[in-house]
């Protein structure tokens, strides 16, 4: 299921809950549900296949979110991180796979033990998850892409050139999306 469908379902649930709380006279309690529902609705539209605006979350080239993004999209960013962490613990498979010597593919490394050996350079194919603090900014390339979406041809070319440079320096390269699910489809 694509991210726009997941966030659309969440948006509907939060908005229905906020309306129900308002009808029960709990207007103050309803506000966080309403705000989260509105944010999820915006993300649903921005992540739809026909629109595809990953830059809306504001993730910068070093994998950080500016203050305005944290304020506006905080509920979504928090839920995305939490969901990624919980899903990782629920799935009992390796975080990454070795494609060829020095090239790895997998999911978001939110713990140091999730990185492949050799202090790899990291290509991040997410727009909703931050660069982990243990990944140096100079060993990081951000290809801001919605989960379940592919990078653009330009992004792929940029990443291939960057990865070749890192490999020529003898560094392993780790390419990750949110969950590394493309491994299941055989798409390195």
Protein backbone atom coordinates (compact mmCIF):
# COMPACT_ATOMS: atom_id res chain seq x y z
CA UNK A 1 0.00 0.00 0.00
CA UNK A 2 1.41 3.39 -0.99
CA UNK A 3 2.18 6.18 1.43
CA UNK A 4 -0.67 8.34 0.14
CA UNK A 5 -3.18 5.59 0.95
CA UNK A 6 -1.72 5.00 4.42
CA UNK A 7 -1.68 8.70 5.29
CA UNK A 8 -5.14 9.13 3.77
CA UNK A 9 -6.54 6.44 6.07
CA UNK A 10 -4.75 8.03 9.05
CA UNK A 11 -6.00 11.50 8.08
CA UNK A 12 -9.58 10.24 7.88
CA UNK A 13 -9.30 8.53 11.28
CA UNK A 14 -7.86 11.62 12.96
CA UNK A 15 -10.43 13.96 11.37
CA UNK A 16 -13.36 11.69 12.28
CA UNK A 17 -12.03 11.45 15.85
CA UNK A 18 -11.73 15.23 16.08
CA UNK A 19 -15.32 15.71 14.87
CA UNK A 20 -16.56 13.12 17.37
CA UNK A 21 -14.68 14.80 20.23
CA UNK A 22 -16.08 18.19 19.21
CA UNK A 23 -19.62 16.80 19.21
CA UNK A 24 -19.00 15.44 22.72
CA UNK A 25 -17.98 18.94 23.82
CA UNK A 26 -14.28 18.11 24.21
CA UNK A 27 -13.01 20.95 22.03
CA UNK A 28 -9.57 21.29 23.63
CA UNK A 29 -8.90 17.55 23.47
CA UNK A 30 -10.00 17.56 19.82
CA UNK A 31 -7.32 20.07 18.70
CA UNK A 32 -4.34 17.68 18.50
CA UNK A 33 -6.47 15.20 16.53
CA UNK A 34 -7.63 17.95 14.18
CA UNK A 35 -4.07 19.26 13.65
CA UNK A 36 -2.71 15.78 12.99
CA UNK A 37 -5.59 15.06 10.58
CA UNK A 38 -4.89 18.26 8.63
CA UNK A 39 -1.15 17.49 8.42
CA UNK A 40 -1.87 13.92 7.30
CA UNK A 41 -4.27 15.28 4.65
CA UNK A 42 -1.56 17.59 3.28
CA UNK A 43 0.93 14.72 3.18
CA UNK A 44 -1.67 12.52 1.46
CA UNK A 45 -2.09 15.03 -1.34
CA UNK A 46 1.65 15.82 -1.63
CA UNK A 47 2.63 12.13 -1.76
CA UNK A 48 0.01 11.10 -4.32
CA UNK A 49 1.47 9.62 -7.54
CA UNK A 50 0.00 12.39 -9.67
CA UNK A 51 1.45 15.18 -7.49
CA UNK A 52 4.63 13.73 -5.89
CA UNK A 53 6.13 16.67 -3.96
CA UNK A 54 8.72 15.18 -1.56
CA UNK A 55 10.35 18.59 -1.05
CA UNK A 56 7.26 19.81 0.84
CA UNK A 57 8.67 18.34 4.08
CA UNK A 58 11.78 20.52 3.72
CA UNK A 59 14.44 17.85 4.25
CA UNK A 60 17.73 19.47 3.29
CA UNK A 61 20.79 18.04 1.55
CA UNK A 62 22.38 17.00 4.86
CA UNK A 63 19.28 15.07 5.95
CA UNK A 64 17.88 17.53 8.48
CA UNK A 65 14.50 19.19 8.78
CA UNK A 66 14.28 22.96 9.32
CA UNK A 67 12.36 24.37 12.28
CA UNK A 68 9.38 25.39 10.11
CA UNK A 69 9.04 21.81 8.89
CA UNK A 70 9.25 20.39 12.41
CA UNK A 71 6.52 22.81 13.51
CA UNK A 72 4.22 22.24 10.52
CA UNK A 73 4.82 18.55 9.90
CA UNK A 74 5.88 17.43 13.39
CA UNK A 75 3.00 14.97 13.86
CA UNK A 76 3.72 13.27 10.54
CA UNK A 77 7.50 13.22 11.01
CA UNK A 78 7.11 11.75 14.49
CA UNK A 79 4.63 9.11 13.31
CA UNK A 80 6.85 8.21 10.32
CA UNK A 81 9.89 7.65 12.57
CA UNK A 82 7.88 5.70 15.12
CA UNK A 83 6.28 3.56 12.42
CA UNK A 84 9.68 2.81 10.85
CA UNK A 85 11.12 1.77 14.22
CA UNK A 86 8.16 -0.39 15.22
CA UNK A 87 7.99 -2.05 11.81
CA UNK A 88 11.72 -2.84 12.00
CA UNK A 89 11.26 -4.66 15.30
CA UNK A 90 8.18 -6.51 14.07
CA UNK A 91 9.87 -7.75 10.89
CA UNK A 92 12.38 -10.46 11.54
CA UNK A 93 14.63 -9.97 8.54
CA UNK A 94 18.05 -8.42 8.03
CA UNK A 95 18.19 -4.63 7.95
CA UNK A 96 20.31 -4.75 4.80
CA UNK A 97 21.52 -7.09 2.09
CA UNK A 98 24.88 -7.20 0.34
CA UNK A 99 24.30 -6.68 -3.39
CA UNK A 100 27.95 -6.96 -4.46
CA UNK A 101 31.21 -6.38 -2.60
CA UNK A 102 31.03 -2.86 -1.14
CA UNK A 103 27.39 -2.17 -2.09
CA UNK A 104 24.51 -2.70 0.33
CA UNK A 105 20.76 -2.10 0.12
CA UNK A 106 18.37 -1.85 3.03
CA UNK A 107 16.22 0.19 5.39
CA UNK A 108 16.69 3.35 7.44
CA UNK A 109 19.62 2.90 9.86
CA UNK A 110 18.34 4.54 13.05
CA UNK A 111 20.89 2.61 15.16
CA UNK A 112 24.61 2.26 14.44
CA UNK A 113 24.28 -1.54 14.38
CA UNK A 114 21.97 -1.19 11.33
CA UNK A 115 24.85 -0.02 9.13
CA UNK A 116 26.87 -2.50 7.08
CA UNK A 117 30.54 -2.99 8.01
CA UNK A 118 33.31 -0.60 6.97
CA UNK A 119 31.80 2.81 7.83
CA UNK A 120 29.86 3.07 4.58
CA UNK A 121 28.88 6.19 2.71
CA UNK A 122 25.08 6.46 2.73
CA UNK A 123 22.59 7.21 -0.04
CA UNK A 124 19.28 8.07 1.61
CA UNK A 125 16.16 7.64 -0.55
CA UNK A 126 13.67 9.05 1.97
CA UNK A 127 12.09 12.46 2.45
CA UNK A 128 10.40 11.69 5.77
CA UNK A 129 13.27 10.23 7.81
CA UNK A 130 16.32 12.16 9.05
CA UNK A 131 20.00 11.38 8.55
CA UNK A 132 21.10 9.39 11.57
CA UNK A 133 23.54 11.31 13.77
CA UNK A 134 26.25 8.66 13.41
CA UNK A 135 26.35 9.12 9.61
CA UNK A 136 28.81 11.95 8.80
CA UNK A 137 27.37 14.69 6.57
CA UNK A 138 30.29 14.37 4.13
CA UNK A 139 29.53 10.64 3.70
CA UNK A 140 25.83 11.23 2.99
CA UNK A 141 23.75 11.88 -0.12
CA UNK A 142 20.06 12.72 0.18
CA UNK A 143 17.67 11.73 -2.62
CA UNK A 144 14.44 13.03 -1.08
CA UNK A 145 11.83 10.52 -2.23
CA UNK A 146 8.50 9.44 -0.75
CA UNK A 147 8.37 5.91 0.58
CA UNK A 148 7.04 3.56 -2.13
CA UNK A 149 8.21 5.98 -4.87
CA UNK A 150 11.30 5.75 -7.05
CA UNK A 151 13.95 8.46 -7.34
CA UNK A 152 13.92 10.47 -10.57
CA UNK A 153 16.32 9.54 -13.39
CA UNK A 154 18.37 12.64 -12.53
CA UNK A 155 18.60 11.54 -8.87
CA UNK A 156 19.62 8.04 -9.92
CA UNK A 157 22.40 9.38 -12.17
CA UNK A 158 23.62 11.69 -9.39
CA UNK A 159 23.63 8.81 -6.89
CA UNK A 160 25.46 6.49 -9.31
CA UNK A 161 28.22 9.07 -9.89
CA UNK A 162 28.51 9.75 -6.14
CA UNK A 163 28.60 6.03 -5.31
CA UNK A 164 31.29 5.42 -7.94
CA UNK A 165 33.40 8.22 -6.42
CA UNK A 166 33.02 6.72 -2.95
CA UNK A 167 33.81 3.21 -4.21
CA UNK A 168 36.94 4.55 -5.97
CA UNK A 169 38.02 5.86 -2.54
CA UNK A 170 37.59 2.32 -1.18
CA UNK A 171 34.44 3.16 0.82
CA UNK A 172 31.46 0.80 0.90
CA UNK A 173 28.11 2.36 -0.07
CA UNK A 174 24.79 1.77 1.68
CA UNK A 175 21.62 2.71 -0.22
CA UNK A 176 18.50 2.86 1.89
CA UNK A 177 14.84 3.69 1.69
CA UNK A 178 12.53 3.56 4.69
CA UNK A 179 12.24 -0.24 4.95
CA UNK A 180 14.40 -1.74 2.21
CA UNK A 181 11.40 -3.49 0.68
CA UNK A 182 12.75 -3.32 -2.86
CA UNK A 183 15.05 -6.16 -1.78
CA UNK A 184 11.99 -8.41 -1.78
CA UNK A 185 11.27 -7.52 -5.42
CA UNK A 186 14.84 -8.13 -6.57
CA UNK A 187 15.43 -4.49 -7.51
CA UNK A 188 18.89 -3.42 -6.32
